[in-house]
N, C-alpha and C. Protein backbone atom coordinates (compact mmCIF):
# COMPACT_ATOMS: atom_id res chain seq x y z
N MET A 1 81.60 164.03 24.36
CA MET A 1 82.44 164.98 25.06
C MET A 1 81.88 165.37 26.43
N PRO A 2 80.55 165.61 26.57
CA PRO A 2 80.03 165.96 27.89
C PRO A 2 80.25 164.86 28.93
N ILE A 3 80.27 163.59 28.50
CA ILE A 3 80.51 162.50 29.44
C ILE A 3 81.90 162.62 30.04
N LYS A 4 82.89 162.97 29.25
CA LYS A 4 84.26 163.13 29.72
C LYS A 4 84.34 164.24 30.77
N ILE A 5 83.60 165.32 30.55
CA ILE A 5 83.60 166.43 31.51
C ILE A 5 83.04 165.96 32.85
N TRP A 6 81.94 165.19 32.82
CA TRP A 6 81.34 164.68 34.05
C TRP A 6 82.27 163.71 34.75
N GLU A 7 82.98 162.89 33.99
CA GLU A 7 83.94 161.95 34.58
C GLU A 7 85.06 162.72 35.28
N ASN A 8 85.59 163.75 34.62
CA ASN A 8 86.65 164.56 35.22
C ASN A 8 86.16 165.30 36.46
N LEU A 9 84.94 165.80 36.42
CA LEU A 9 84.37 166.49 37.57
C LEU A 9 84.20 165.51 38.73
N LYS A 10 83.74 164.32 38.44
CA LYS A 10 83.57 163.30 39.48
C LYS A 10 84.92 162.96 40.13
N ILE A 11 85.96 162.80 39.32
CA ILE A 11 87.29 162.52 39.84
C ILE A 11 87.76 163.65 40.74
N LEU A 12 87.57 164.89 40.29
CA LEU A 12 87.98 166.05 41.08
C LEU A 12 87.23 166.11 42.41
N LEU A 13 85.93 165.92 42.37
CA LEU A 13 85.14 165.95 43.60
C LEU A 13 85.55 164.83 44.55
N ASN A 14 85.83 163.65 44.03
CA ASN A 14 86.29 162.55 44.89
C ASN A 14 87.61 162.89 45.55
N ARG A 15 88.49 163.55 44.83
CA ARG A 15 89.78 163.94 45.42
C ARG A 15 89.58 164.95 46.53
N VAL A 16 88.69 165.92 46.32
CA VAL A 16 88.41 166.92 47.35
C VAL A 16 87.84 166.24 48.59
N VAL A 17 86.88 165.33 48.39
CA VAL A 17 86.29 164.59 49.51
C VAL A 17 87.38 163.79 50.23
N ASP A 18 88.27 163.16 49.48
CA ASP A 18 89.36 162.40 50.09
C ASP A 18 90.21 163.30 50.98
N ILE A 19 90.57 164.46 50.48
CA ILE A 19 91.43 165.37 51.25
C ILE A 19 90.73 165.82 52.52
N ILE A 20 89.45 166.16 52.40
CA ILE A 20 88.70 166.65 53.55
C ILE A 20 88.49 165.54 54.58
N THR A 21 88.17 164.34 54.12
CA THR A 21 87.76 163.27 55.03
C THR A 21 88.90 162.39 55.51
N GLN A 22 90.08 162.55 54.98
CA GLN A 22 91.17 161.70 55.45
C GLN A 22 91.50 161.99 56.90
N GLY A 23 91.17 163.17 57.34
CA GLY A 23 91.18 163.45 58.76
C GLY A 23 92.51 163.82 59.38
N SER A 24 93.60 163.43 58.82
CA SER A 24 94.88 163.76 59.44
C SER A 24 95.96 163.88 58.38
N LEU A 25 96.96 164.64 58.72
CA LEU A 25 98.09 164.80 57.82
C LEU A 25 98.79 163.46 57.59
N GLU A 26 98.80 162.61 58.62
CA GLU A 26 99.45 161.31 58.49
C GLU A 26 98.77 160.45 57.41
N ARG A 27 97.44 160.48 57.36
CA ARG A 27 96.71 159.72 56.33
C ARG A 27 97.00 160.28 54.94
N ILE A 28 97.05 161.60 54.82
CA ILE A 28 97.33 162.23 53.53
C ILE A 28 98.74 161.86 53.06
N LYS A 29 99.71 161.90 53.97
CA LYS A 29 101.08 161.53 53.63
C LYS A 29 101.17 160.06 53.22
N LEU A 30 100.46 159.20 53.93
CA LEU A 30 100.46 157.77 53.64
C LEU A 30 99.92 157.50 52.24
N ILE A 31 98.80 158.10 51.90
CA ILE A 31 98.20 157.93 50.57
C ILE A 31 99.15 158.45 49.50
N SER A 32 99.71 159.63 49.70
CA SER A 32 100.63 160.21 48.72
C SER A 32 101.86 159.33 48.52
N ALA A 33 102.42 158.82 49.61
CA ALA A 33 103.60 157.96 49.52
C ALA A 33 103.29 156.69 48.75
N PHE A 34 102.16 156.08 49.04
CA PHE A 34 101.78 154.86 48.33
C PHE A 34 101.61 155.13 46.85
N ASN A 35 100.97 156.22 46.50
CA ASN A 35 100.77 156.52 45.09
C ASN A 35 102.10 156.75 44.37
N ARG A 36 103.05 157.39 45.04
CA ARG A 36 104.39 157.57 44.44
C ARG A 36 105.09 156.22 44.26
N ILE A 37 105.00 155.37 45.27
CA ILE A 37 105.65 154.05 45.20
C ILE A 37 105.07 153.22 44.07
N PHE A 38 103.74 153.18 43.98
CA PHE A 38 103.10 152.42 42.90
C PHE A 38 103.46 152.98 41.53
N GLU A 39 103.52 154.31 41.41
CA GLU A 39 103.87 154.91 40.12
C GLU A 39 105.31 154.58 39.74
N GLU A 40 106.21 154.68 40.69
CA GLU A 40 107.62 154.36 40.41
C GLU A 40 107.78 152.89 40.03
N ALA A 41 107.10 152.00 40.73
CA ALA A 41 107.19 150.57 40.42
C ALA A 41 106.67 150.28 39.02
N TYR A 42 105.63 150.98 38.62
CA TYR A 42 105.08 150.79 37.28
C TYR A 42 106.03 151.35 36.21
N VAL A 43 106.53 152.55 36.43
CA VAL A 43 107.44 153.17 35.46
C VAL A 43 108.73 152.37 35.33
N ASN A 44 109.23 151.84 36.44
CA ASN A 44 110.47 151.05 36.43
C ASN A 44 110.24 149.59 36.05
N GLN A 45 109.03 149.27 35.66
CA GLN A 45 108.63 147.93 35.22
C GLN A 45 108.85 146.87 36.30
N GLU A 46 108.73 147.28 37.56
CA GLU A 46 108.80 146.34 38.66
C GLU A 46 107.44 145.72 38.92
N PHE A 47 106.40 146.40 38.45
CA PHE A 47 105.03 145.91 38.59
C PHE A 47 104.30 146.23 37.30
N GLU A 48 103.56 145.28 36.77
CA GLU A 48 102.99 145.46 35.43
C GLU A 48 101.72 146.29 35.37
N HIS A 49 101.13 146.64 36.52
CA HIS A 49 99.91 147.44 36.53
C HIS A 49 100.14 148.70 37.35
N LEU A 50 99.59 149.81 36.88
CA LEU A 50 99.61 151.04 37.66
C LEU A 50 98.50 150.94 38.70
N CYS A 51 98.82 151.26 39.93
CA CYS A 51 97.84 151.22 41.01
C CYS A 51 97.76 152.59 41.66
N THR A 52 96.58 152.92 42.15
CA THR A 52 96.41 154.14 42.92
C THR A 52 95.72 153.79 44.23
N VAL A 53 96.00 154.60 45.24
CA VAL A 53 95.42 154.39 46.56
C VAL A 53 94.58 155.60 46.92
N THR A 54 93.39 155.35 47.47
CA THR A 54 92.52 156.41 47.96
C THR A 54 91.88 155.93 49.26
N THR A 55 91.24 156.85 49.94
CA THR A 55 90.44 156.53 51.10
C THR A 55 89.01 156.34 50.61
N SER A 56 88.34 155.33 51.14
CA SER A 56 86.98 155.05 50.70
C SER A 56 86.11 154.68 51.91
N ARG A 57 84.87 154.38 51.64
CA ARG A 57 83.98 153.93 52.71
C ARG A 57 84.42 152.54 53.14
N GLY A 58 84.52 152.33 54.42
CA GLY A 58 84.86 151.01 54.94
C GLY A 58 83.60 150.16 55.05
N VAL A 59 83.75 148.96 55.54
CA VAL A 59 82.62 148.05 55.72
C VAL A 59 82.33 147.99 57.22
N ALA A 60 81.08 148.23 57.59
CA ALA A 60 80.70 148.34 59.01
C ALA A 60 81.12 147.14 59.83
N ILE A 61 81.00 145.95 59.30
CA ILE A 61 81.34 144.74 60.05
C ILE A 61 82.84 144.65 60.36
N ASN A 62 83.66 145.40 59.62
CA ASN A 62 85.11 145.38 59.80
C ASN A 62 85.59 146.39 60.85
N ARG A 63 84.69 147.16 61.41
CA ARG A 63 85.08 148.22 62.34
C ARG A 63 85.84 147.66 63.55
N HIS A 64 86.71 148.49 64.08
CA HIS A 64 87.45 148.19 65.31
C HIS A 64 87.51 149.48 66.11
N PRO A 65 88.00 149.46 67.33
CA PRO A 65 87.96 150.67 68.17
C PRO A 65 88.66 151.90 67.59
N MET A 66 89.61 151.72 66.69
CA MET A 66 90.33 152.87 66.13
C MET A 66 89.79 153.30 64.76
N SER A 67 88.73 152.67 64.27
CA SER A 67 88.19 152.98 62.95
C SER A 67 87.74 154.43 62.86
N ASP A 68 88.01 155.04 61.72
CA ASP A 68 87.52 156.38 61.44
C ASP A 68 86.00 156.31 61.29
N ASN A 69 85.31 157.33 61.70
CA ASN A 69 83.85 157.31 61.65
C ASN A 69 83.28 157.50 60.26
N PHE A 70 84.03 158.13 59.37
CA PHE A 70 83.44 158.48 58.08
C PHE A 70 83.98 157.64 56.92
N ARG A 71 85.28 157.64 56.71
CA ARG A 71 85.86 156.91 55.59
C ARG A 71 87.01 156.06 56.11
N SER A 72 86.72 154.79 56.33
CA SER A 72 87.70 153.91 56.97
C SER A 72 88.24 152.84 56.03
N GLY A 73 88.01 153.00 54.74
CA GLY A 73 88.53 152.03 53.78
C GLY A 73 89.83 152.50 53.14
N PHE A 74 90.76 151.59 52.99
CA PHE A 74 92.02 151.84 52.29
C PHE A 74 91.87 151.12 50.96
N LYS A 75 91.64 151.88 49.88
CA LYS A 75 91.30 151.27 48.60
C LYS A 75 92.46 151.38 47.61
N VAL A 76 92.84 150.23 47.07
CA VAL A 76 93.85 150.14 46.02
C VAL A 76 93.11 149.83 44.72
N THR A 77 93.28 150.69 43.72
CA THR A 77 92.66 150.48 42.42
C THR A 77 93.74 150.12 41.41
N ILE A 78 93.56 148.97 40.78
CA ILE A 78 94.50 148.52 39.75
C ILE A 78 94.00 149.05 38.41
N LYS A 79 94.80 149.88 37.79
CA LYS A 79 94.42 150.45 36.50
C LYS A 79 95.05 149.59 35.41
N SER A 80 94.21 148.86 34.72
CA SER A 80 94.70 147.91 33.73
C SER A 80 93.81 147.93 32.51
N GLU A 81 94.41 147.65 31.37
CA GLU A 81 93.64 147.57 30.13
C GLU A 81 93.22 146.14 29.83
N GLN A 82 93.65 145.21 30.63
CA GLN A 82 93.34 143.80 30.39
C GLN A 82 92.52 143.24 31.55
N TYR A 83 91.88 142.11 31.29
CA TYR A 83 91.09 141.45 32.33
C TYR A 83 92.03 140.94 33.42
N LEU A 84 91.65 141.12 34.66
CA LEU A 84 92.46 140.66 35.77
C LEU A 84 91.78 139.46 36.45
N TYR A 85 92.60 138.56 36.93
CA TYR A 85 92.13 137.37 37.61
C TYR A 85 92.35 137.52 39.11
N LYS A 86 91.79 136.60 39.89
CA LYS A 86 91.92 136.65 41.34
C LYS A 86 93.39 136.70 41.75
N THR A 87 94.25 136.02 41.01
CA THR A 87 95.68 136.01 41.35
C THR A 87 96.29 137.40 41.22
N ASP A 88 95.77 138.21 40.28
CA ASP A 88 96.28 139.58 40.14
C ASP A 88 95.94 140.41 41.38
N PHE A 89 94.70 140.24 41.88
CA PHE A 89 94.30 140.96 43.10
C PHE A 89 95.10 140.44 44.30
N SER A 90 95.32 139.14 44.33
CA SER A 90 96.05 138.53 45.43
C SER A 90 97.50 138.98 45.48
N GLN A 91 98.07 139.27 44.32
CA GLN A 91 99.46 139.75 44.28
C GLN A 91 99.61 141.03 45.08
N ILE A 92 98.66 141.93 44.96
CA ILE A 92 98.68 143.17 45.74
C ILE A 92 98.40 142.86 47.22
N ALA A 93 97.42 142.00 47.47
CA ALA A 93 97.04 141.68 48.85
C ALA A 93 98.20 141.06 49.63
N LYS A 94 99.06 140.30 48.95
CA LYS A 94 100.19 139.66 49.63
C LYS A 94 101.08 140.67 50.33
N PHE A 95 101.24 141.84 49.73
CA PHE A 95 102.07 142.87 50.36
C PHE A 95 101.55 143.17 51.76
N PHE A 96 100.23 143.31 51.89
CA PHE A 96 99.64 143.65 53.18
C PHE A 96 99.63 142.46 54.13
N VAL A 97 99.30 141.29 53.62
CA VAL A 97 99.24 140.09 54.46
C VAL A 97 100.61 139.79 55.05
N ASN A 98 101.65 140.05 54.29
CA ASN A 98 103.01 139.77 54.74
C ASN A 98 103.63 140.89 55.56
N ASN A 99 102.91 142.01 55.74
CA ASN A 99 103.45 143.16 56.48
C ASN A 99 102.47 143.56 57.59
N LYS A 100 102.37 142.71 58.58
CA LYS A 100 101.40 142.94 59.65
C LYS A 100 101.66 144.23 60.43
N GLY A 101 102.92 144.63 60.54
CA GLY A 101 103.24 145.89 61.20
C GLY A 101 102.65 147.07 60.46
N PHE A 102 102.71 147.02 59.14
CA PHE A 102 102.12 148.09 58.34
C PHE A 102 100.60 148.09 58.49
N VAL A 103 100.00 146.90 58.55
CA VAL A 103 98.54 146.80 58.73
C VAL A 103 98.15 147.45 60.05
N LYS A 104 98.93 147.22 61.10
CA LYS A 104 98.64 147.85 62.39
C LYS A 104 98.72 149.36 62.28
N ARG A 105 99.66 149.85 61.50
CA ARG A 105 99.77 151.30 61.29
C ARG A 105 98.52 151.83 60.59
N LEU A 106 98.04 151.10 59.58
CA LEU A 106 96.81 151.50 58.90
C LEU A 106 95.65 151.56 59.90
N MET A 107 95.60 150.58 60.78
CA MET A 107 94.52 150.54 61.77
C MET A 107 94.63 151.71 62.74
N VAL A 108 95.83 152.05 63.16
CA VAL A 108 96.03 153.15 64.10
C VAL A 108 95.56 154.49 63.51
N VAL A 109 95.73 154.69 62.21
CA VAL A 109 95.29 155.95 61.60
C VAL A 109 93.82 155.89 61.16
N GLY A 110 93.11 154.81 61.50
CA GLY A 110 91.67 154.79 61.31
C GLY A 110 91.11 153.90 60.23
N TYR A 111 91.95 153.16 59.53
CA TYR A 111 91.44 152.28 58.47
C TYR A 111 91.01 150.94 59.06
N ASP A 112 89.97 150.35 58.46
CA ASP A 112 89.53 149.03 58.92
C ASP A 112 89.30 148.04 57.78
N THR A 113 89.26 148.52 56.54
CA THR A 113 88.97 147.66 55.40
C THR A 113 89.98 147.91 54.30
N LEU A 114 90.61 146.85 53.81
CA LEU A 114 91.47 146.93 52.63
C LEU A 114 90.64 146.47 51.44
N THR A 115 90.49 147.34 50.46
CA THR A 115 89.74 147.01 49.26
C THR A 115 90.68 147.07 48.07
N ILE A 116 90.67 146.02 47.25
CA ILE A 116 91.49 145.99 46.04
C ILE A 116 90.55 145.75 44.87
N LEU A 117 90.49 146.73 43.97
CA LEU A 117 89.59 146.68 42.82
C LEU A 117 90.36 146.95 41.54
N SER A 118 89.69 146.73 40.43
CA SER A 118 90.27 147.01 39.11
C SER A 118 89.33 147.92 38.34
N THR A 119 89.90 148.70 37.45
CA THR A 119 89.08 149.56 36.60
C THR A 119 88.46 148.78 35.45
N THR A 120 88.94 147.57 35.18
CA THR A 120 88.46 146.82 34.02
C THR A 120 87.84 145.47 34.33
N SER A 121 87.99 144.98 35.54
CA SER A 121 87.54 143.63 35.86
C SER A 121 86.59 143.64 37.05
N PRO A 122 85.59 142.78 37.02
CA PRO A 122 84.69 142.67 38.18
C PRO A 122 85.40 141.94 39.31
N GLY A 123 84.77 141.97 40.44
CA GLY A 123 85.34 141.25 41.58
C GLY A 123 86.31 142.12 42.33
N GLY A 124 87.35 141.52 42.79
CA GLY A 124 88.31 142.22 43.63
C GLY A 124 88.33 141.57 45.00
N LEU A 125 88.92 142.25 45.93
CA LEU A 125 89.02 141.73 47.29
C LEU A 125 88.61 142.81 48.27
N GLN A 126 87.99 142.40 49.36
CA GLN A 126 87.69 143.29 50.47
C GLN A 126 88.08 142.54 51.73
N ILE A 127 89.09 143.06 52.41
CA ILE A 127 89.69 142.34 53.52
C ILE A 127 89.60 143.17 54.80
N PRO A 128 89.07 142.58 55.89
CA PRO A 128 89.08 143.27 57.18
C PRO A 128 90.52 143.31 57.71
N LEU A 129 91.03 144.49 57.99
CA LEU A 129 92.41 144.60 58.46
C LEU A 129 92.62 143.84 59.77
N LYS A 130 91.61 143.82 60.63
CA LYS A 130 91.77 143.14 61.92
C LYS A 130 91.90 141.63 61.77
N ASP A 131 91.53 141.09 60.61
CA ASP A 131 91.59 139.65 60.40
C ASP A 131 92.80 139.21 59.57
N ILE A 132 93.67 140.13 59.21
CA ILE A 132 94.78 139.76 58.33
C ILE A 132 95.66 138.68 58.96
N ALA A 133 95.77 138.67 60.25
CA ALA A 133 96.62 137.66 60.90
C ALA A 133 96.16 136.24 60.57
N SER A 134 94.85 136.06 60.33
CA SER A 134 94.36 134.71 60.03
C SER A 134 94.07 134.51 58.55
N LEU A 135 94.37 135.47 57.71
CA LEU A 135 94.11 135.35 56.27
C LEU A 135 94.90 134.22 55.63
N ASN A 136 96.08 133.96 56.13
CA ASN A 136 96.91 132.94 55.49
C ASN A 136 96.27 131.56 55.49
N ASP A 137 95.24 131.36 56.30
CA ASP A 137 94.56 130.08 56.37
C ASP A 137 93.74 129.77 55.12
N TYR A 138 93.32 130.79 54.37
CA TYR A 138 92.40 130.51 53.28
C TYR A 138 92.64 131.27 52.00
N MET A 139 93.76 131.93 51.84
CA MET A 139 93.92 132.78 50.67
C MET A 139 95.36 132.86 50.18
N LEU A 140 95.50 133.31 49.00
CA LEU A 140 96.76 133.75 48.41
C LEU A 140 97.73 132.63 48.02
N ASP A 141 97.24 131.51 47.59
CA ASP A 141 98.14 130.48 47.07
C ASP A 141 98.19 130.56 45.57
């Protein structure tokens, strides 16, 4: 039971840090909208995994002139009870790769790294937003 309390406290503290460090109302609205969209898609059985979006630490090598100084990662977490394969992560990544205008919007509000992880599977993807234009050369088939 004490482990559950610590897990819940950690989740709460991460949410508070997210709210404080997102830096702008636009980032907060963006995260909230994505979480609603992912929840609706899951409930309506349009997508088989529930996903959540948070702001996280970006990767220094992915920085660009508009990167936020503190938390520049746009993290999508796939909540699944089953093992996920690279194709499962790629399914989410395709949305971003195919929507370059949206990626530019993410960059304008300070994000530089797209991270896609799972709660049950190792691996995942970490993609520099500035390189998405050339991602089609080596990924997502």
